[in-house]
Amino acid sequence: MDKNNYVGIVDKIKVIKSFPNMLVRFTLHTVDTDIQCIVCKKELANLLLFLDNNKYEVAVFGHANLRKQLIVEKFMVRNPNSFIHEFVTKTLSKTS
């Protein structure tokens, strides 16, 4: 399984499924291309939902599935404001 990391702007955040397992998708706009991403971990999905579309730059790490979507295992917000820093960045550092 090939693992990659990318940096880009988060856009089109949508909850696909919330019960029994949370599943959230988003588009990551990188310099080269747009990457369709899936978040399966409930802790990461909840934190991702705090982010606004087209506002935050994130670094993501994960692997591709058969549909060429990136399954996100970790992410970090690179330009947090005070709210995101308090509720997302600190929580991410506790879960890592």
PDB file of N, CA and C in Angstrom:
ATOM      1  N   MET A   1       0.851  -1.169   0.000  1.00  0.00           N
ATOM      2  CA  MET A   1       0.000   0.000   0.000  1.00  0.00           C
ATOM      3  C   MET A   1       0.901   1.239   0.000  1.00  0.00           C
ATOM      4  N   ASP A   2       0.773   2.066  -1.000  1.00  0.00           N
ATOM      5  CA  ASP A   2       1.590   3.255  -1.157  1.00  0.00           C
ATOM      6  C   ASP A   2       0.966   4.420  -0.399  1.00  0.00           C
ATOM      7  N   LYS A   3       1.748   5.005   0.518  1.00  0.00           N
ATOM      8  CA  LYS A   3       1.232   6.129   1.317  1.00  0.00           C
ATOM      9  C   LYS A   3       1.850   7.427   0.820  1.00  0.00           C
ATOM     10  N   ASN A   4       1.029   8.489   0.785  1.00  0.00           N
ATOM     11  CA  ASN A   4       1.469   9.782   0.270  1.00  0.00           C
ATOM     12  C   ASN A   4       1.029  10.891   1.202  1.00  0.00           C
ATOM     13  N   ASN A   5       1.691  12.043   1.054  1.00  0.00           N
ATOM     14  CA  ASN A   5       1.238  13.233   1.753  1.00  0.00           C
ATOM     15  C   ASN A   5       1.091  14.364   0.749  1.00  0.00           C
ATOM     16  N   TYR A   6       0.096  15.219   0.990  1.00  0.00           N
ATOM     17  CA  TYR A   6      -0.221  16.331   0.103  1.00  0.00           C
ATOM     18  C   TYR A   6      -0.544  17.562   0.940  1.00  0.00           C
ATOM     19  N   VAL A   7      -0.380  18.729   0.321  1.00  0.00           N
ATOM     20  CA  VAL A   7      -0.739  19.997   0.959  1.00  0.00           C
ATOM     21  C   VAL A   7      -1.651  20.742   0.006  1.00  0.00           C
ATOM     22  N   GLY A   8      -2.755  21.264   0.531  1.00  0.00           N
ATOM     23  CA  GLY A   8      -3.683  21.996  -0.321  1.00  0.00           C
ATOM     24  C   GLY A   8      -4.795  22.649   0.477  1.00  0.00           C
ATOM     25  N   ILE A   9      -5.728  23.245  -0.260  1.00  0.00           N
ATOM     26  CA  ILE A   9      -6.865  23.937   0.324  1.00  0.00           C
ATOM     27  C   ILE A   9      -8.070  22.993   0.377  1.00  0.00           C
ATOM     28  N   VAL A  10      -8.735  22.955   1.530  1.00  0.00           N
ATOM     29  CA  VAL A  10      -9.898  22.082   1.737  1.00  0.00           C
ATOM     30  C   VAL A  10     -11.142  22.731   1.130  1.00  0.00           C
ATOM     31  N   ASP A  11     -11.926  21.927   0.402  1.00  0.00           N
ATOM     32  CA  ASP A  11     -13.141  22.417  -0.238  1.00  0.00           C
ATOM     33  C   ASP A  11     -14.164  21.289  -0.297  1.00  0.00           C
ATOM     34  N   LYS A  12     -15.426  21.632  -0.413  1.00  0.00           N
ATOM     35  CA  LYS A  12     -16.538  20.693  -0.607  1.00  0.00           C
ATOM     36  C   LYS A  12     -16.589  19.603   0.465  1.00  0.00           C
ATOM     37  N   ILE A  13     -16.553  20.029   1.719  1.00  0.00           N
ATOM     38  CA  ILE A  13     -16.628  19.082   2.831  1.00  0.00           C
ATOM     39  C   ILE A  13     -18.068  18.608   2.967  1.00  0.00           C
ATOM     40  N   LYS A  14     -18.263  17.287   2.952  1.00  0.00           N
ATOM     41  CA  LYS A  14     -19.618  16.723   3.056  1.00  0.00           C
ATOM     42  C   LYS A  14     -19.603  15.458   3.894  1.00  0.00           C
ATOM     43  N   VAL A  15     -20.632  15.306   4.707  1.00  0.00           N
ATOM     44  CA  VAL A  15     -20.814  14.070   5.473  1.00  0.00           C
ATOM     45  C   VAL A  15     -21.516  13.078   4.567  1.00  0.00           C
ATOM     46  N   ILE A  16     -20.882  11.961   4.326  1.00  0.00           N
ATOM     47  CA  ILE A  16     -21.483  10.906   3.500  1.00  0.00           C
ATOM     48  C   ILE A  16     -22.360  10.012   4.369  1.00  0.00           C
ATOM     49  N   LYS A  17     -21.824   9.662   5.542  1.00  0.00           N
ATOM     50  CA  LYS A  17     -22.533   8.763   6.443  1.00  0.00           C
ATOM     51  C   LYS A  17     -22.143   9.130   7.873  1.00  0.00           C
ATOM     52  N   SER A  18     -23.112   9.129   8.777  1.00  0.00           N
ATOM     53  CA  SER A  18     -22.788   9.468  10.157  1.00  0.00           C
ATOM     54  C   SER A  18     -23.026   8.323  11.142  1.00  0.00           C
ATOM     55  N   PHE A  19     -23.770   7.311  10.728  1.00  0.00           N
ATOM     56  CA  PHE A  19     -24.051   6.202  11.628  1.00  0.00           C
ATOM     57  C   PHE A  19     -24.021   4.899  10.865  1.00  0.00           C
ATOM     58  N   PRO A  20     -23.453   3.850  11.354  1.00  0.00           N
ATOM     59  CA  PRO A  20     -22.763   3.687  12.630  1.00  0.00           C
ATOM     60  C   PRO A  20     -21.317   4.214  12.587  1.00  0.00           C
ATOM     61  N   ASN A  21     -20.718   4.256  11.411  1.00  0.00           N
ATOM     62  CA  ASN A  21     -19.355   4.779  11.288  1.00  0.00           C
ATOM     63  C   ASN A  21     -19.386   6.057  10.468  1.00  0.00           C
ATOM     64  N   MET A  22     -18.757   7.099  10.981  1.00  0.00           N
ATOM     65  CA  MET A  22     -18.758   8.378  10.284  1.00  0.00           C
ATOM     66  C   MET A  22     -17.848   8.320   9.064  1.00  0.00           C
ATOM     67  N   LEU A  23     -18.317   8.938   7.980  1.00  0.00           N
ATOM     68  CA  LEU A  23     -17.564   8.993   6.731  1.00  0.00           C
ATOM     69  C   LEU A  23     -17.746  10.384   6.140  1.00  0.00           C
ATOM     70  N   VAL A  24     -16.632  11.105   5.953  1.00  0.00           N
ATOM     71  CA  VAL A  24     -16.663  12.468   5.438  1.00  0.00           C
ATOM     72  C   VAL A  24     -15.763  12.541   4.218  1.00  0.00           C
ATOM     73  N   ARG A  25     -16.211  13.276   3.191  1.00  0.00           N
ATOM     74  CA  ARG A  25     -15.411  13.459   1.990  1.00  0.00           C
ATOM     75  C   ARG A  25     -15.111  14.932   1.811  1.00  0.00           C
ATOM     76  N   PHE A  26     -14.004  15.219   1.142  1.00  0.00           N
ATOM     77  CA  PHE A  26     -13.674  16.593   0.780  1.00  0.00           C
ATOM     78  C   PHE A  26     -12.736  16.578  -0.415  1.00  0.00           C
ATOM     79  N   THR A  27     -12.638  17.724  -1.062  1.00  0.00           N
ATOM     80  CA  THR A  27     -11.714  17.891  -2.175  1.00  0.00           C
ATOM     81  C   THR A  27     -10.527  18.699  -1.680  1.00  0.00           C
ATOM     82  N   LEU A  28      -9.342  18.248  -1.999  1.00  0.00           N
ATOM     83  CA  LEU A  28      -8.119  18.951  -1.648  1.00  0.00           C
ATOM     84  C   LEU A  28      -7.553  19.560  -2.922  1.00  0.00           C
ATOM     85  N   HIS A  29      -7.527  20.905  -2.991  1.00  0.00           N
ATOM     86  CA  HIS A  29      -6.981  21.603  -4.154  1.00  0.00           C
ATOM     87  C   HIS A  29      -5.490  21.814  -3.935  1.00  0.00           C
ATOM     88  N   THR A  30      -4.666  21.015  -4.630  1.00  0.00           N
ATOM     89  CA  THR A  30      -3.217  21.175  -4.548  1.00  0.00           C
ATOM     90  C   THR A  30      -2.757  22.027  -5.726  1.00  0.00           C
ATOM     91  N   VAL A  31      -1.468  22.310  -5.779  1.00  0.00           N
ATOM     92  CA  VAL A  31      -0.909  23.104  -6.871  1.00  0.00           C
ATOM     93  C   VAL A  31      -1.085  22.374  -8.200  1.00  0.00           C
ATOM     94  N   ASP A  32      -0.897  21.065  -8.198  1.00  0.00           N
ATOM     95  CA  ASP A  32      -0.932  20.274  -9.431  1.00  0.00           C
ATOM     96  C   ASP A  32      -2.318  19.796  -9.833  1.00  0.00           C
ATOM     97  N   THR A  33      -3.125  19.368  -8.855  1.00  0.00           N
ATOM     98  CA  THR A  33      -4.376  18.706  -9.181  1.00  0.00           C
ATOM     99  C   THR A  33      -5.364  18.800  -8.010  1.00  0.00           C
ATOM    100  N   ASP A  34      -6.577  18.344  -8.236  1.00  0.00           N
ATOM    101  CA  ASP A  34      -7.578  18.220  -7.175  1.00  0.00           C
ATOM    102  C   ASP A  34      -7.640  16.756  -6.756  1.00  0.00           C
ATOM    103  N   ILE A  35      -7.642  16.509  -5.467  1.00  0.00           N
ATOM    104  CA  ILE A  35      -7.640  15.146  -4.940  1.00  0.00           C
ATOM    105  C   ILE A  35      -8.914  14.934  -4.136  1.00  0.00           C
ATOM    106  N   GLN A  36      -9.641  13.873  -4.448  1.00  0.00           N
ATOM    107  CA  GLN A  36     -10.832  13.497  -3.690  1.00  0.00           C
ATOM    108  C   GLN A  36     -10.362  12.720  -2.470  1.00  0.00           C
ATOM    109  N   CYS A  37     -10.787  13.155  -1.283  1.00  0.00           N
ATOM    110  CA  CYS A  37     -10.327  12.556  -0.031  1.00  0.00           C
ATOM    111  C   CYS A  37     -11.496  12.024   0.779  1.00  0.00           C
ATOM    112  N   ILE A  38     -11.227  10.961   1.541  1.00  0.00           N
ATOM    113  CA  ILE A  38     -12.203  10.334   2.418  1.00  0.00           C
ATOM    114  C   ILE A  38     -11.596  10.244   3.819  1.00  0.00           C
ATOM    115  N   VAL A  39     -12.390  10.602   4.828  1.00  0.00           N
ATOM    116  CA  VAL A  39     -11.951  10.466   6.217  1.00  0.00           C
ATOM    117  C   VAL A  39     -12.876   9.458   6.893  1.00  0.00           C
ATOM    118  N   CYS A  40     -12.287   8.379   7.419  1.00  0.00           N
ATOM    119  CA  CYS A  40     -13.060   7.320   8.070  1.00  0.00           C
ATOM    120  C   CYS A  40     -12.981   7.391   9.587  1.00  0.00           C
ATOM    121  N   LYS A  41     -11.899   7.943  10.114  1.00  0.00           N
ATOM    122  CA  LYS A  41     -11.730   8.027  11.566  1.00  0.00           C
ATOM    123  C   LYS A  41     -12.663   9.093  12.122  1.00  0.00           C
ATOM    124  N   LYS A  42     -13.476   8.694  13.092  1.00  0.00           N
ATOM    125  CA  LYS A  42     -14.485   9.605  13.643  1.00  0.00           C
ATOM    126  C   LYS A  42     -13.859  10.856  14.253  1.00  0.00           C
ATOM    127  N   GLU A  43     -12.738  10.702  14.954  1.00  0.00           N
ATOM    128  CA  GLU A  43     -12.088  11.841  15.585  1.00  0.00           C
ATOM    129  C   GLU A  43     -11.645  12.868  14.540  1.00  0.00           C
ATOM    130  N   LEU A  44     -11.048  12.400  13.456  1.00  0.00           N
ATOM    131  CA  LEU A  44     -10.596  13.304  12.394  1.00  0.00           C
ATOM    132  C   LEU A  44     -11.783  13.909  11.649  1.00  0.00           C
ATOM    133  N   ALA A  45     -12.804  13.110  11.412  1.00  0.00           N
ATOM    134  CA  ALA A  45     -13.983  13.602  10.679  1.00  0.00           C
ATOM    135  C   ALA A  45     -14.677  14.714  11.453  1.00  0.00           C
ATOM    136  N   ASN A  46     -14.812  14.560  12.757  1.00  0.00           N
ATOM    137  CA  ASN A  46     -15.439  15.603  13.571  1.00  0.00           C
ATOM    138  C   ASN A  46     -14.640  16.897  13.520  1.00  0.00           C
ATOM    139  N   LEU A  47     -13.327  16.798  13.566  1.00  0.00           N
ATOM    140  CA  LEU A  47     -12.482  17.987  13.521  1.00  0.00           C
ATOM    141  C   LEU A  47     -12.517  18.644  12.149  1.00  0.00           C
ATOM    142  N   LEU A  48     -12.582  17.843  11.114  1.00  0.00           N
ATOM    143  CA  LEU A  48     -12.636  18.366   9.750  1.00  0.00           C
ATOM    144  C   LEU A  48     -13.898  19.199   9.528  1.00  0.00           C
ATOM    145  N   LEU A  49     -14.977  18.818  10.182  1.00  0.00           N
ATOM    146  CA  LEU A  49     -16.244  19.543  10.016  1.00  0.00           C
ATOM    147  C   LEU A  49     -16.210  20.954  10.597  1.00  0.00           C
ATOM    148  N   PHE A  50     -15.214  21.275  11.413  1.00  0.00           N
ATOM    149  CA  PHE A  50     -15.045  22.640  11.918  1.00  0.00           C
ATOM    150  C   PHE A  50     -14.495  23.578  10.849  1.00  0.00           C
ATOM    151  N   LEU A  51     -13.868  23.044   9.814  1.00  0.00           N
ATOM    152  CA  LEU A  51     -13.187  23.867   8.817  1.00  0.00           C
ATOM    153  C   LEU A  51     -14.168  24.420   7.788  1.00  0.00           C
ATOM    154  N   ASP A  52     -13.920  25.647   7.351  1.00  0.00           N
ATOM    155  CA  ASP A  52     -14.720  26.271   6.302  1.00  0.00           C
ATOM    156  C   ASP A  52     -14.158  25.911   4.937  1.00  0.00           C
ATOM    157  N   ASN A  53     -15.023  25.864   3.939  1.00  0.00           N
ATOM    158  CA  ASN A  53     -14.587  25.590   2.575  1.00  0.00           C
ATOM    159  C   ASN A  53     -13.712  26.723   2.042  1.00  0.00           C
ATOM    160  N   ASN A  54     -12.695  26.361   1.283  1.00  0.00           N
ATOM    161  CA  ASN A  54     -11.792  27.300   0.596  1.00  0.00           C
ATOM    162  C   ASN A  54     -11.114  28.299   1.525  1.00  0.00           C
ATOM    163  N   LYS A  55     -10.903  27.934   2.778  1.00  0.00           N
ATOM    164  CA  LYS A  55     -10.277  28.871   3.704  1.00  0.00           C
ATOM    165  C   LYS A  55      -8.996  28.332   4.324  1.00  0.00           C
ATOM    166  N   TYR A  56      -8.938  27.045   4.579  1.00  0.00           N
ATOM    167  CA  TYR A  56      -7.819  26.484   5.326  1.00  0.00           C
ATOM    168  C   TYR A  56      -6.925  25.598   4.456  1.00  0.00           C
ATOM    169  N   GLU A  57      -5.627  25.771   4.673  1.00  0.00           N
ATOM    170  CA  GLU A  57      -4.641  24.919   4.018  1.00  0.00           C
ATOM    171  C   GLU A  57      -4.300  23.788   4.984  1.00  0.00           C
ATOM    172  N   VAL A  58      -4.361  22.575   4.499  1.00  0.00           N
ATOM    173  CA  VAL A  58      -4.069  21.422   5.342  1.00  0.00           C
ATOM    174  C   VAL A  58      -3.008  20.544   4.685  1.00  0.00           C
ATOM    175  N   ALA A  59      -2.296  19.830   5.525  1.00  0.00           N
ATOM    176  CA  ALA A  59      -1.378  18.791   5.082  1.00  0.00           C
ATOM    177  C   ALA A  59      -2.041  17.467   5.449  1.00  0.00           C
ATOM    178  N   VAL A  60      -2.188  16.576   4.476  1.00  0.00           N
ATOM    179  CA  VAL A  60      -2.845  15.290   4.718  1.00  0.00           C
ATOM    180  C   VAL A  60      -1.879  14.154   4.407  1.00  0.00           C
ATOM    181  N   PHE A  61      -2.082  13.033   5.082  1.00  0.00           N
ATOM    182  CA  PHE A  61      -1.276  11.836   4.885  1.00  0.00           C
ATOM    183  C   PHE A  61      -2.217  10.659   4.794  1.00  0.00           C
ATOM    184  N   GLY A  62      -2.018   9.796   3.815  1.00  0.00           N
ATOM    185  CA  GLY A  62      -2.879   8.629   3.683  1.00  0.00           C
ATOM    186  C   GLY A  62      -2.508   7.780   2.489  1.00  0.00           C
ATOM    187  N   HIS A  63      -3.423   6.895   2.132  1.00  0.00           N
ATOM    188  CA  HIS A  63      -3.198   5.978   1.009  1.00  0.00           C
ATOM    189  C   HIS A  63      -4.405   6.030   0.066  1.00  0.00           C
ATOM    190  N   ALA A  64      -4.185   5.630  -1.171  1.00  0.00           N
ATOM    191  CA  ALA A  64      -5.244   5.643  -2.183  1.00  0.00           C
ATOM    192  C   ALA A  64      -6.023   4.326  -2.159  1.00  0.00           C
ATOM    193  N   ASN A  65      -7.343   4.432  -2.401  1.00  0.00           N
ATOM    194  CA  ASN A  65      -8.151   3.224  -2.538  1.00  0.00           C
ATOM    195  C   ASN A  65      -8.271   2.875  -4.021  1.00  0.00           C
ATOM    196  N   LEU A  66      -9.098   1.896  -4.349  1.00  0.00           N
ATOM    197  CA  LEU A  66      -9.241   1.467  -5.738  1.00  0.00           C
ATOM    198  C   LEU A  66      -9.885   2.522  -6.625  1.00  0.00           C
ATOM    199  N   ARG A  67     -10.660   3.430  -6.033  1.00  0.00           N
ATOM    200  CA  ARG A  67     -11.298   4.512  -6.795  1.00  0.00           C
ATOM    201  C   ARG A  67     -10.401   5.743  -6.915  1.00  0.00           C
ATOM    202  N   LYS A  68      -9.142   5.608  -6.486  1.00  0.00           N
ATOM    203  CA  LYS A  68      -8.149   6.694  -6.524  1.00  0.00           C
ATOM    204  C   LYS A  68      -8.537   7.868  -5.633  1.00  0.00           C
ATOM    205  N   GLN A  69      -9.238   7.569  -4.537  1.00  0.00           N
ATOM    206  CA  GLN A  69      -9.524   8.558  -3.507  1.00  0.00           C
ATOM    207  C   GLN A  69      -8.472   8.388  -2.415  1.00  0.00           C
ATOM    208  N   LEU A  70      -8.070   9.483  -1.810  1.00  0.00           N
ATOM    209  CA  LEU A  70      -7.090   9.414  -0.736  1.00  0.00           C
ATOM    210  C   LEU A  70      -7.811   9.144   0.579  1.00  0.00           C
ATOM    211  N   ILE A  71      -7.478   8.041   1.221  1.00  0.00           N
ATOM    212  CA  ILE A  71      -8.024   7.717   2.534  1.00  0.00           C
ATOM    213  C   ILE A  71      -7.115   8.391   3.558  1.00  0.00           C
ATOM    214  N   VAL A  72      -7.624   9.425   4.204  1.00  0.00           N
ATOM    215  CA  VAL A  72      -6.809  10.253   5.090  1.00  0.00           C
ATOM    216  C   VAL A  72      -6.626   9.556   6.437  1.00  0.00           C
ATOM    217  N   GLU A  73      -5.367   9.412   6.842  1.00  0.00           N
ATOM    218  CA  GLU A  73      -5.037   8.827   8.139  1.00  0.00           C
ATOM    219  C   GLU A  73      -4.669   9.899   9.154  1.00  0.00           C
ATOM    220  N   LYS A  74      -4.058  10.993   8.664  1.00  0.00           N
ATOM    221  CA  LYS A  74      -3.667  12.115   9.529  1.00  0.00           C
ATOM    222  C   LYS A  74      -3.838  13.399   8.743  1.00  0.00           C
ATOM    223  N   PHE A  75      -4.102  14.496   9.451  1.00  0.00           N
ATOM    224  CA  PHE A  75      -4.066  15.792   8.797  1.00  0.00           C
ATOM    225  C   PHE A  75      -3.677  16.869   9.804  1.00  0.00           C
ATOM    226  N   MET A  76      -3.177  17.977   9.279  1.00  0.00           N
ATOM    227  CA  MET A  76      -2.767  19.100  10.107  1.00  0.00           C
ATOM    228  C   MET A  76      -3.180  20.390   9.409  1.00  0.00           C
ATOM    229  N   VAL A  77      -3.773  21.306  10.145  1.00  0.00           N
ATOM    230  CA  VAL A  77      -4.152  22.600   9.588  1.00  0.00           C
ATOM    231  C   VAL A  77      -2.916  23.492   9.611  1.00  0.00           C
ATOM    232  N   ARG A  78      -2.551  24.047   8.444  1.00  0.00           N
ATOM    233  CA  ARG A  78      -1.321  24.826   8.345  1.00  0.00           C
ATOM    234  C   ARG A  78      -1.520  26.312   8.603  1.00  0.00           C
ATOM    235  N   ASN A  79      -2.733  26.822   8.486  1.00  0.00           N
ATOM    236  CA  ASN A  79      -2.987  28.245   8.736  1.00  0.00           C
ATOM    237  C   ASN A  79      -4.194  28.431   9.670  1.00  0.00           C
ATOM    238  N   PRO A  80      -4.088  27.948  10.924  1.00  0.00           N
ATOM    239  CA  PRO A  80      -5.247  28.024  11.820  1.00  0.00           C
ATOM    240  C   PRO A  80      -5.464  29.436  12.366  1.00  0.00           C
ATOM    241  N   ASN A  81      -6.739  29.812  12.525  1.00  0.00           N
ATOM    242  CA  ASN A  81      -7.051  31.030  13.272  1.00  0.00           C
ATOM    243  C   ASN A  81      -7.161  30.630  14.743  1.00  0.00           C
ATOM    244  N   SER A  82      -7.521  31.544  15.621  1.00  0.00           N
ATOM    245  CA  SER A  82      -7.535  31.240  17.051  1.00  0.00           C
ATOM    246  C   SER A  82      -8.555  30.152  17.410  1.00  0.00           C
ATOM    247  N   PHE A  83      -9.726  30.167  16.757  1.00  0.00           N
ATOM    248  CA  PHE A  83     -10.744  29.151  17.034  1.00  0.00           C
ATOM    249  C   PHE A  83     -10.262  27.768  16.603  1.00  0.00           C
ATOM    250  N   ILE A  84      -9.760  27.672  15.389  1.00  0.00           N
ATOM    251  CA  ILE A  84      -9.281  26.385  14.871  1.00  0.00           C
ATOM    252  C   ILE A  84      -8.080  25.914  15.685  1.00  0.00           C
ATOM    253  N   HIS A  85      -7.216  26.837  16.062  1.00  0.00           N
ATOM    254  CA  HIS A  85      -6.055  26.465  16.878  1.00  0.00           C
ATOM    255  C   HIS A  85      -6.500  25.855  18.202  1.00  0.00           C
ATOM    256  N   GLU A  86      -7.503  26.444  18.819  1.00  0.00           N
ATOM    257  CA  GLU A  86      -7.971  25.972  20.126  1.00  0.00           C
ATOM    258  C   GLU A  86      -8.700  24.637  20.036  1.00  0.00           C
ATOM    259  N   PHE A  87      -9.604  24.482  19.064  1.00  0.00           N
ATOM    260  CA  PHE A  87     -10.475  23.317  19.042  1.00  0.00           C
ATOM    261  C   PHE A  87     -10.046  22.210  18.093  1.00  0.00           C
ATOM    262  N   VAL A  88      -9.227  22.502  17.100  1.00  0.00           N
ATOM    263  CA  VAL A  88      -8.819  21.462  16.159  1.00  0.00           C
ATOM    264  C   VAL A  88      -7.347  21.091  16.354  1.00  0.00           C
ATOM    265  N   THR A  89      -6.469  22.054  16.312  1.00  0.00           N
ATOM    266  CA  THR A  89      -5.042  21.774  16.361  1.00  0.00           C
ATOM    267  C   THR A  89      -4.641  21.129  17.691  1.00  0.00           C
ATOM    268  N   LYS A  90      -5.144  21.649  18.801  1.00  0.00           N
ATOM    269  CA  LYS A  90      -4.808  21.052  20.104  1.00  0.00           C
ATOM    270  C   LYS A  90      -5.373  19.642  20.228  1.00  0.00           C
ATOM    271  N   THR A  91      -6.568  19.425  19.692  1.00  0.00           N
ATOM    272  CA  THR A  91      -7.173  18.092  19.745  1.00  0.00           C
ATOM    273  C   THR A  91      -6.404  17.103  18.882  1.00  0.00           C
ATOM    274  N   LEU A  92      -5.939  17.569  17.717  1.00  0.00           N
ATOM    275  CA  LEU A  92      -5.153  16.694  16.849  1.00  0.00           C
ATOM    276  C   LEU A  92      -3.855  16.266  17.526  1.00  0.00           C
ATOM    277  N   SER A  93      -3.229  17.158  18.245  1.00  0.00           N
ATOM    278  CA  SER A  93      -1.977  16.810  18.903  1.00  0.00           C
ATOM    279  C   SER A  93      -2.200  15.802  20.033  1.00  0.00           C
ATOM    280  N   LYS A  94      -3.385  15.799  20.635  1.00  0.00           N
ATOM    281  CA  LYS A  94      -3.703  14.825  21.682  1.00  0.00           C
ATOM    282  C   LYS A  94      -3.968  13.441  21.102  1.00  0.00           C
ATOM    283  N   THR A  95      -4.540  13.375  19.868  1.00  0.00           N
ATOM    284  CA  THR A  95      -4.892  12.075  19.277  1.00  0.00           C
ATOM    285  C   THR A  95      -3.719  11.418  18.581  1.00  0.00           C
ATOM    286  N   SER A  96      -2.668  12.159  18.277  1.00  0.00           N
ATOM    287  CA  SER A  96      -1.521  11.588  17.539  1.00  0.00           C
ATOM    288  C   SER A  96      -0.652  10.736  18.417  1.00  0.00           C
TER     289      SER A  96
END
